[in-house]
Amino acid sequence: MSENRTVGLRRAARVAGVAAAASVAFGLLSTGAANADTFVPLPDGQKVGPGVTITRTGEHAVISPSLSANGAGRTAWLSGKAVADVTATPDGTVGPNNGPKNGPGSDNSSTHGASQINTGYLIGCQVNISDSAVSAGVSGGVSLTGANAGGSIGLNLGPGQVTFVQVNSKDILKPGTYSIDYQDVPVDVQGCAGYAQARAYTVVEIIGDNYSKTTLYGQPFSLG
């Protein structure tokens, strides 16, 4: 074999080795990108109602692939701050729910003897949680259930299902400013092979002869 031919083969081997190494590196980067968390910044919002101004600030979500890695799950880490500036409310005494069947009403609101702020998220599978859907009651033609935050929240949602997840609530016994802060509340959605969507809500109910319910919704965002 000539010297020129030997040098040529060595160069070809080096090029092939570099190409193989580049291919492996690209594959690792692609795998990392596919499994990377997605940060979703969300806009602030405000709603003025009878005797109350509701404000939401600092809301964001971090979307991660589900640990089950089954293609039908995803995990969201939810953060934000909801504030109610209440200018007028009658004195109340905290008591049992007196809503339908002594349970929570729409968006987890319920009159229970005292004014109240509660905040959380509507989460749907293959359902567009738009303004028009919310104004129609969000649950028209879909199954609506509920859950309360407490550690990690696991949800099983099929196509067309919507659930509300309450993050926290506070009773309002006199006028003042009431806030709910939450950081990295984990919600694990399983069983939804299609797209999933979420949207924050904050409800303030003022009891009394002039009962009112004011709801501030956040911007819908995709869970993947």
C-alpha atoms as a PDB file:
ATOM      1  CA  MET A   1       0.000   0.000   0.000  1.00  0.00           C
ATOM      2  CA  SER A   2       1.448   3.418  -0.929  1.00  0.00           C
ATOM      3  CA  GLU A   3       2.154   6.098   1.676  1.00  0.00           C
ATOM      4  CA  ASN A   4      -0.416   8.438   0.113  1.00  0.00           C
ATOM      5  CA  ARG A   5      -3.120   5.760   0.326  1.00  0.00           C
ATOM      6  CA  THR A   6      -2.289   5.074   3.994  1.00  0.00           C
ATOM      7  CA  VAL A   7      -2.513   8.776   4.898  1.00  0.00           C
ATOM      8  CA  GLY A   8      -5.810   9.043   3.042  1.00  0.00           C
ATOM      9  CA  LEU A   9      -7.318   6.140   4.971  1.00  0.00           C
ATOM     10  CA  ARG A  10      -6.196   7.614   8.275  1.00  0.00           C
ATOM     11  CA  ARG A  11      -7.796  10.958   7.402  1.00  0.00           C
ATOM     12  CA  ALA A  12     -11.034   9.228   6.421  1.00  0.00           C
ATOM     13  CA  ALA A  13     -11.073   7.337   9.726  1.00  0.00           C
ATOM     14  CA  ARG A  14     -10.565  10.566  11.679  1.00  0.00           C
ATOM     15  CA  VAL A  15     -13.400  12.298   9.779  1.00  0.00           C
ATOM     16  CA  ALA A  16     -15.704   9.340  10.405  1.00  0.00           C
ATOM     17  CA  GLY A  17     -14.808   9.373  14.098  1.00  0.00           C
ATOM     18  CA  VAL A  18     -15.518  13.102  14.401  1.00  0.00           C
ATOM     19  CA  ALA A  19     -18.834  12.661  12.583  1.00  0.00           C
ATOM     20  CA  ALA A  20     -19.824   9.806  14.906  1.00  0.00           C
ATOM     21  CA  ALA A  21     -18.911  11.842  17.975  1.00  0.00           C
ATOM     22  CA  ALA A  22     -20.902  14.811  16.675  1.00  0.00           C
ATOM     23  CA  SER A  23     -23.873  12.549  16.051  1.00  0.00           C
ATOM     24  CA  VAL A  24     -23.760  11.194  19.613  1.00  0.00           C
ATOM     25  CA  ALA A  25     -23.465  14.696  21.063  1.00  0.00           C
ATOM     26  CA  PHE A  26     -26.418  15.935  18.973  1.00  0.00           C
ATOM     27  CA  GLY A  27     -28.480  12.975  20.129  1.00  0.00           C
ATOM     28  CA  LEU A  28     -27.745  13.761  23.766  1.00  0.00           C
ATOM     29  CA  LEU A  29     -28.657  17.421  23.274  1.00  0.00           C
ATOM     30  CA  SER A  30     -31.884  16.456  21.565  1.00  0.00           C
ATOM     31  CA  THR A  31     -32.774  14.113  24.396  1.00  0.00           C
ATOM     32  CA  GLY A  32     -32.059  16.844  26.920  1.00  0.00           C
ATOM     33  CA  ALA A  33     -34.171  19.361  25.020  1.00  0.00           C
ATOM     34  CA  ALA A  34     -37.068  16.957  24.803  1.00  0.00           C
ATOM     35  CA  ASN A  35     -37.025  16.467  28.568  1.00  0.00           C
ATOM     36  CA  ALA A  36     -36.322  20.080  29.522  1.00  0.00           C
ATOM     37  CA  ASP A  37     -38.694  22.069  31.716  1.00  0.00           C
ATOM     38  CA  THR A  38     -40.671  24.850  30.048  1.00  0.00           C
ATOM     39  CA  PHE A  39     -41.100  28.161  31.884  1.00  0.00           C
ATOM     40  CA  VAL A  40     -44.393  29.908  31.118  1.00  0.00           C
ATOM     41  CA  PRO A  41     -44.646  33.567  32.245  1.00  0.00           C
ATOM     42  CA  LEU A  42     -48.232  34.793  32.653  1.00  0.00           C
ATOM     43  CA  PRO A  43     -49.595  38.355  32.752  1.00  0.00           C
ATOM     44  CA  ASP A  44     -50.890  40.165  35.821  1.00  0.00           C
ATOM     45  CA  GLY A  45     -54.615  40.811  36.066  1.00  0.00           C
ATOM     46  CA  GLN A  46     -57.201  42.811  37.990  1.00  0.00           C
ATOM     47  CA  LYS A  47     -60.975  42.725  38.452  1.00  0.00           C
ATOM     48  CA  VAL A  48     -63.152  45.238  40.298  1.00  0.00           C
ATOM     49  CA  GLY A  49     -66.407  44.073  41.841  1.00  0.00           C
ATOM     50  CA  PRO A  50     -68.881  45.221  44.500  1.00  0.00           C
ATOM     51  CA  GLY A  51     -66.794  46.064  47.558  1.00  0.00           C
ATOM     52  CA  VAL A  52     -63.642  44.337  46.324  1.00  0.00           C
ATOM     53  CA  THR A  53     -60.690  44.656  43.943  1.00  0.00           C
ATOM     54  CA  ILE A  54     -58.931  41.405  43.027  1.00  0.00           C
ATOM     55  CA  THR A  55     -55.359  41.455  41.732  1.00  0.00           C
ATOM     56  CA  ARG A  56     -53.128  38.626  40.552  1.00  0.00           C
ATOM     57  CA  THR A  57     -49.368  39.158  40.160  1.00  0.00           C
ATOM     58  CA  GLY A  58     -46.239  37.101  39.608  1.00  0.00           C
ATOM     59  CA  GLU A  59     -48.066  34.168  38.071  1.00  0.00           C
ATOM     60  CA  HIS A  60     -45.998  31.617  36.180  1.00  0.00           C
ATOM     61  CA  ALA A  61     -45.868  27.907  35.480  1.00  0.00           C
ATOM     62  CA  VAL A  62     -43.079  25.410  34.902  1.00  0.00           C
ATOM     63  CA  ILE A  63     -44.142  22.473  32.726  1.00  0.00           C
ATOM     64  CA  SER A  64     -42.244  19.183  33.070  1.00  0.00           C
ATOM     65  CA  PRO A  65     -42.658  15.748  31.504  1.00  0.00           C
ATOM     66  CA  SER A  66     -44.469  13.400  33.873  1.00  0.00           C
ATOM     67  CA  LEU A  67     -42.270  11.073  35.899  1.00  0.00           C
ATOM     68  CA  SER A  68     -44.394   8.186  34.624  1.00  0.00           C
ATOM     69  CA  ALA A  69     -43.033   8.858  31.106  1.00  0.00           C
ATOM     70  CA  ASN A  70     -46.069   7.271  29.497  1.00  0.00           C
ATOM     71  CA  GLY A  71     -46.788   9.988  26.921  1.00  0.00           C
ATOM     72  CA  ALA A  72     -50.193  10.771  28.484  1.00  0.00           C
ATOM     73  CA  GLY A  73     -49.012  12.718  31.520  1.00  0.00           C
ATOM     74  CA  ARG A  74     -47.361  15.994  32.394  1.00  0.00           C
ATOM     75  CA  THR A  75     -46.527  17.900  35.556  1.00  0.00           C
ATOM     76  CA  ALA A  76     -47.019  21.616  36.172  1.00  0.00           C
ATOM     77  CA  TRP A  77     -45.433  23.652  38.981  1.00  0.00           C
ATOM     78  CA  LEU A  78     -47.692  26.652  39.621  1.00  0.00           C
ATOM     79  CA  SER A  79     -46.809  29.942  41.332  1.00  0.00           C
ATOM     80  CA  GLY A  80     -48.486  33.299  41.861  1.00  0.00           C
ATOM     81  CA  LYS A  81     -50.080  35.768  44.267  1.00  0.00           C
ATOM     82  CA  ALA A  82     -53.766  36.672  44.572  1.00  0.00           C
ATOM     83  CA  VAL A  83     -54.833  39.732  46.578  1.00  0.00           C
ATOM     84  CA  ALA A  84     -58.320  40.925  47.557  1.00  0.00           C
ATOM     85  CA  ASP A  85     -58.759  44.509  48.748  1.00  0.00           C
ATOM     86  CA  VAL A  86     -62.129  44.383  50.506  1.00  0.00           C
ATOM     87  CA  THR A  87     -63.761  47.729  51.325  1.00  0.00           C
ATOM     88  CA  ALA A  88     -67.042  46.468  52.760  1.00  0.00           C
ATOM     89  CA  THR A  89     -68.300  43.184  54.169  1.00  0.00           C
ATOM     90  CA  PRO A  90     -70.829  42.322  56.891  1.00  0.00           C
ATOM     91  CA  ASP A  91     -69.668  40.573  60.033  1.00  0.00           C
ATOM     92  CA  GLY A  92     -69.743  36.846  59.482  1.00  0.00           C
ATOM     93  CA  THR A  93     -69.309  33.636  61.398  1.00  0.00           C
ATOM     94  CA  VAL A  94     -67.536  30.754  59.728  1.00  0.00           C
ATOM     95  CA  GLY A  95     -69.900  27.828  59.430  1.00  0.00           C
ATOM     96  CA  PRO A  96     -70.761  24.876  57.216  1.00  0.00           C
ATOM     97  CA  ASN A  97     -71.276  25.261  53.491  1.00  0.00           C
ATOM     98  CA  ASN A  98     -74.821  26.031  52.505  1.00  0.00           C
ATOM     99  CA  GLY A  99     -74.389  25.783  48.765  1.00  0.00           C
ATOM    100  CA  PRO A 100     -75.902  23.036  46.608  1.00  0.00           C
ATOM    101  CA  LYS A 101     -75.898  19.805  48.614  1.00  0.00           C
ATOM    102  CA  ASN A 102     -73.751  21.505  51.252  1.00  0.00           C
ATOM    103  CA  GLY A 103     -70.825  21.487  48.839  1.00  0.00           C
ATOM    104  CA  PRO A 104     -68.717  23.905  46.782  1.00  0.00           C
ATOM    105  CA  GLY A 105     -70.276  25.787  43.906  1.00  0.00           C
ATOM    106  CA  SER A 106     -68.799  26.863  40.588  1.00  0.00           C
ATOM    107  CA  ASP A 107     -65.035  27.490  40.614  1.00  0.00           C
ATOM    108  CA  ASN A 108     -64.998  26.054  44.138  1.00  0.00           C
ATOM    109  CA  SER A 109     -66.884  29.015  45.600  1.00  0.00           C
ATOM    110  CA  SER A 110     -69.305  28.466  48.464  1.00  0.00           C
ATOM    111  CA  THR A 111     -71.181  30.655  50.901  1.00  0.00           C
ATOM    112  CA  HIS A 112     -70.417  29.320  54.375  1.00  0.00           C
ATOM    113  CA  GLY A 113     -71.338  32.088  56.778  1.00  0.00           C
ATOM    114  CA  ALA A 114     -68.418  34.430  56.025  1.00  0.00           C
ATOM    115  CA  SER A 115     -67.028  36.297  53.046  1.00  0.00           C
ATOM    116  CA  GLN A 116     -64.110  34.465  51.436  1.00  0.00           C
ATOM    117  CA  ILE A 117     -61.324  34.567  48.868  1.00  0.00           C
ATOM    118  CA  ASN A 118     -60.243  31.345  47.188  1.00  0.00           C
ATOM    119  CA  THR A 119     -57.856  30.796  44.330  1.00  0.00           C
ATOM    120  CA  GLY A 120     -56.819  27.877  42.148  1.00  0.00           C
ATOM    121  CA  TYR A 121     -56.840  26.564  38.592  1.00  0.00           C
ATOM    122  CA  LEU A 122     -59.215  25.161  36.024  1.00  0.00           C
ATOM    123  CA  ILE A 123     -57.499  22.272  34.214  1.00  0.00           C
ATOM    124  CA  GLY A 124     -58.945  20.589  31.146  1.00  0.00           C
ATOM    125  CA  CYS A 125     -58.060  17.797  28.729  1.00  0.00           C
ATOM    126  CA  GLN A 126     -58.754  18.557  25.053  1.00  0.00           C
ATOM    127  CA  VAL A 127     -60.910  21.485  26.173  1.00  0.00           C
ATOM    128  CA  ASN A 128     -60.264  25.121  25.280  1.00  0.00           C
ATOM    129  CA  ILE A 129     -60.758  27.116  28.502  1.00  0.00           C
ATOM    130  CA  SER A 130     -61.431  30.387  26.699  1.00  0.00           C
ATOM    131  CA  ASP A 131     -63.447  33.416  27.816  1.00  0.00           C
ATOM    132  CA  SER A 132     -66.452  32.175  25.861  1.00  0.00           C
ATOM    133  CA  ALA A 133     -66.218  28.736  27.495  1.00  0.00           C
ATOM    134  CA  VAL A 134     -65.970  30.294  30.945  1.00  0.00           C
ATOM    135  CA  SER A 135     -68.930  32.608  30.342  1.00  0.00           C
ATOM    136  CA  ALA A 136     -70.931  29.552  29.251  1.00  0.00           C
ATOM    137  CA  GLY A 137     -70.107  27.852  32.532  1.00  0.00           C
ATOM    138  CA  VAL A 138     -66.954  26.051  31.320  1.00  0.00           C
ATOM    139  CA  SER A 139     -68.591  22.725  32.000  1.00  0.00           C
ATOM    140  CA  GLY A 140     -71.131  22.747  29.192  1.00  0.00           C
ATOM    141  CA  GLY A 141     -70.980  19.205  27.853  1.00  0.00           C
ATOM    142  CA  VAL A 142     -67.940  18.220  29.923  1.00  0.00           C
ATOM    143  CA  SER A 143     -67.364  16.551  33.258  1.00  0.00           C
ATOM    144  CA  LEU A 144     -66.498  18.990  36.046  1.00  0.00           C
ATOM    145  CA  THR A 145     -64.887  17.776  39.261  1.00  0.00           C
ATOM    146  CA  GLY A 146     -62.759  19.312  41.990  1.00  0.00           C
ATOM    147  CA  ALA A 147     -59.669  18.790  44.133  1.00  0.00           C
ATOM    148  CA  ASN A 148     -57.943  20.621  46.960  1.00  0.00           C
ATOM    149  CA  ALA A 149     -54.247  21.366  47.129  1.00  0.00           C
ATOM    150  CA  GLY A 150     -52.306  19.402  49.715  1.00  0.00           C
ATOM    151  CA  GLY A 151     -48.874  18.193  48.729  1.00  0.00           C
ATOM    152  CA  SER A 152     -48.700  16.895  45.176  1.00  0.00           C
ATOM    153  CA  ILE A 153     -52.032  16.979  43.341  1.00  0.00           C
ATOM    154  CA  GLY A 154     -52.679  14.011  41.059  1.00  0.00           C
ATOM    155  CA  LEU A 155     -55.409  14.296  38.424  1.00  0.00           C
ATOM    156  CA  ASN A 156     -56.743  11.732  35.979  1.00  0.00           C
ATOM    157  CA  LEU A 157     -58.422  13.537  33.091  1.00  0.00           C
ATOM    158  CA  GLY A 158     -59.985  12.025  29.995  1.00  0.00           C
ATOM    159  CA  PRO A 159     -60.913  13.898  26.800  1.00  0.00           C
ATOM    160  CA  GLY A 160     -63.483  16.635  27.419  1.00  0.00           C
ATOM    161  CA  GLN A 161     -63.020  16.701  31.189  1.00  0.00           C
ATOM    162  CA  VAL A 162     -62.369  19.826  33.247  1.00  0.00           C
ATOM    163  CA  THR A 163     -61.459  19.982  36.929  1.00  0.00           C
ATOM    164  CA  PHE A 164     -60.818  22.833  39.323  1.00  0.00           C
ATOM    165  CA  VAL A 165     -57.961  22.639  41.781  1.00  0.00           C
ATOM    166  CA  GLN A 166     -58.186  24.948  44.777  1.00  0.00           C
ATOM    167  CA  VAL A 167     -54.758  26.110  45.909  1.00  0.00           C
ATOM    168  CA  ASN A 168     -55.907  27.908  49.043  1.00  0.00           C
ATOM    169  CA  SER A 169     -58.652  30.052  50.582  1.00  0.00           C
ATOM    170  CA  LYS A 170     -59.053  32.620  53.374  1.00  0.00           C
ATOM    171  CA  ASP A 171     -62.099  33.770  55.276  1.00  0.00           C
ATOM    172  CA  ILE A 172     -62.847  37.507  55.216  1.00  0.00           C
ATOM    173  CA  LEU A 173     -64.366  38.608  58.521  1.00  0.00           C
ATOM    174  CA  LYS A 174     -63.845  42.371  58.160  1.00  0.00           C
ATOM    175  CA  PRO A 175     -62.710  44.897  55.526  1.00  0.00           C
ATOM    176  CA  GLY A 176     -59.004  44.787  54.682  1.00  0.00           C
ATOM    177  CA  THR A 177     -56.407  43.277  52.375  1.00  0.00           C
ATOM    178  CA  TYR A 178     -56.204  39.507  52.068  1.00  0.00           C
ATOM    179  CA  SER A 179     -53.529  37.746  50.039  1.00  0.00           C
ATOM    180  CA  ILE A 180     -52.711  34.194  49.027  1.00  0.00           C
ATOM    181  CA  ASP A 181     -49.157  33.433  47.911  1.00  0.00           C
ATOM    182  CA  TYR A 182     -48.212  30.072  46.441  1.00  0.00           C
ATOM    183  CA  GLN A 183     -44.939  28.784  45.059  1.00  0.00           C
ATOM    184  CA  ASP A 184     -44.307  25.686  42.929  1.00  0.00           C
ATOM    185  CA  VAL A 185     -47.572  23.914  43.715  1.00  0.00           C
ATOM    186  CA  PRO A 186     -47.190  20.569  41.862  1.00  0.00           C
ATOM    187  CA  VAL A 187     -50.057  19.282  39.724  1.00  0.00           C
ATOM    188  CA  ASP A 188     -49.584  15.947  37.940  1.00  0.00           C
ATOM    189  CA  VAL A 189     -52.039  15.341  35.077  1.00  0.00           C
ATOM    190  CA  GLN A 190     -52.445  11.754  33.884  1.00  0.00           C
ATOM    191  CA  GLY A 191     -54.641  10.033  31.305  1.00  0.00           C
ATOM    192  CA  CYS A 192     -54.792  12.946  28.855  1.00  0.00           C
ATOM    193  CA  ALA A 193     -53.248  11.774  25.600  1.00  0.00           C
ATOM    194  CA  GLY A 194     -54.246  14.989  23.807  1.00  0.00           C
ATOM    195  CA  TYR A 195     -53.509  18.596  24.632  1.00  0.00           C
ATOM    196  CA  ALA A 196     -54.162  19.897  28.150  1.00  0.00           C
ATOM    197  CA  GLN A 197     -54.828  23.463  29.208  1.00  0.00           C
ATOM    198  CA  ALA A 198     -54.980  25.361  32.510  1.00  0.00           C
ATOM    199  CA  ARG A 199     -56.239  28.738  33.693  1.00  0.00           C
ATOM    200  CA  ALA A 200     -56.038  30.464  37.063  1.00  0.00           C
ATOM    201  CA  TYR A 201     -59.123  31.713  38.885  1.00  0.00           C
ATOM    202  CA  THR A 202     -59.638  33.795  42.007  1.00  0.00           C
ATOM    203  CA  VAL A 203     -63.118  34.146  43.521  1.00  0.00           C
ATOM    204  CA  VAL A 204     -64.196  36.588  46.216  1.00  0.00           C
ATOM    205  CA  GLU A 205     -67.643  36.181  47.748  1.00  0.00           C
ATOM    206  CA  ILE A 206     -69.148  38.941  49.869  1.00  0.00           C
ATOM    207  CA  ILE A 207     -72.003  37.789  52.078  1.00  0.00           C
ATOM    208  CA  GLY A 208     -75.008  39.823  53.200  1.00  0.00           C
ATOM    209  CA  ASP A 209     -78.227  41.194  51.755  1.00  0.00           C
ATOM    210  CA  ASN A 210     -76.291  42.412  48.723  1.00  0.00           C
ATOM    211  CA  TYR A 211     -74.418  39.154  48.133  1.00  0.00           C
ATOM    212  CA  SER A 212     -71.815  39.356  45.383  1.00  0.00           C
ATOM    213  CA  LYS A 213     -69.360  37.017  43.712  1.00  0.00           C
ATOM    214  CA  THR A 214     -66.428  38.471  41.773  1.00  0.00           C
ATOM    215  CA  THR A 215     -64.146  36.214  39.736  1.00  0.00           C
ATOM    216  CA  LEU A 216     -60.803  37.065  38.156  1.00  0.00           C
ATOM    217  CA  TYR A 217     -59.546  34.602  35.541  1.00  0.00           C
ATOM    218  CA  GLY A 218     -55.988  34.350  34.342  1.00  0.00           C
ATOM    219  CA  GLN A 219     -54.679  33.760  30.846  1.00  0.00           C
ATOM    220  CA  PRO A 220     -55.126  30.171  29.590  1.00  0.00           C
ATOM    221  CA  PHE A 221     -51.876  28.310  28.988  1.00  0.00           C
ATOM    222  CA  SER A 222     -50.893  24.964  27.546  1.00  0.00           C
ATOM    223  CA  LEU A 223     -49.704  22.054  29.665  1.00  0.00           C
ATOM    224  CA  GLY A 224     -48.440  20.305  26.544  1.00  0.00           C
END
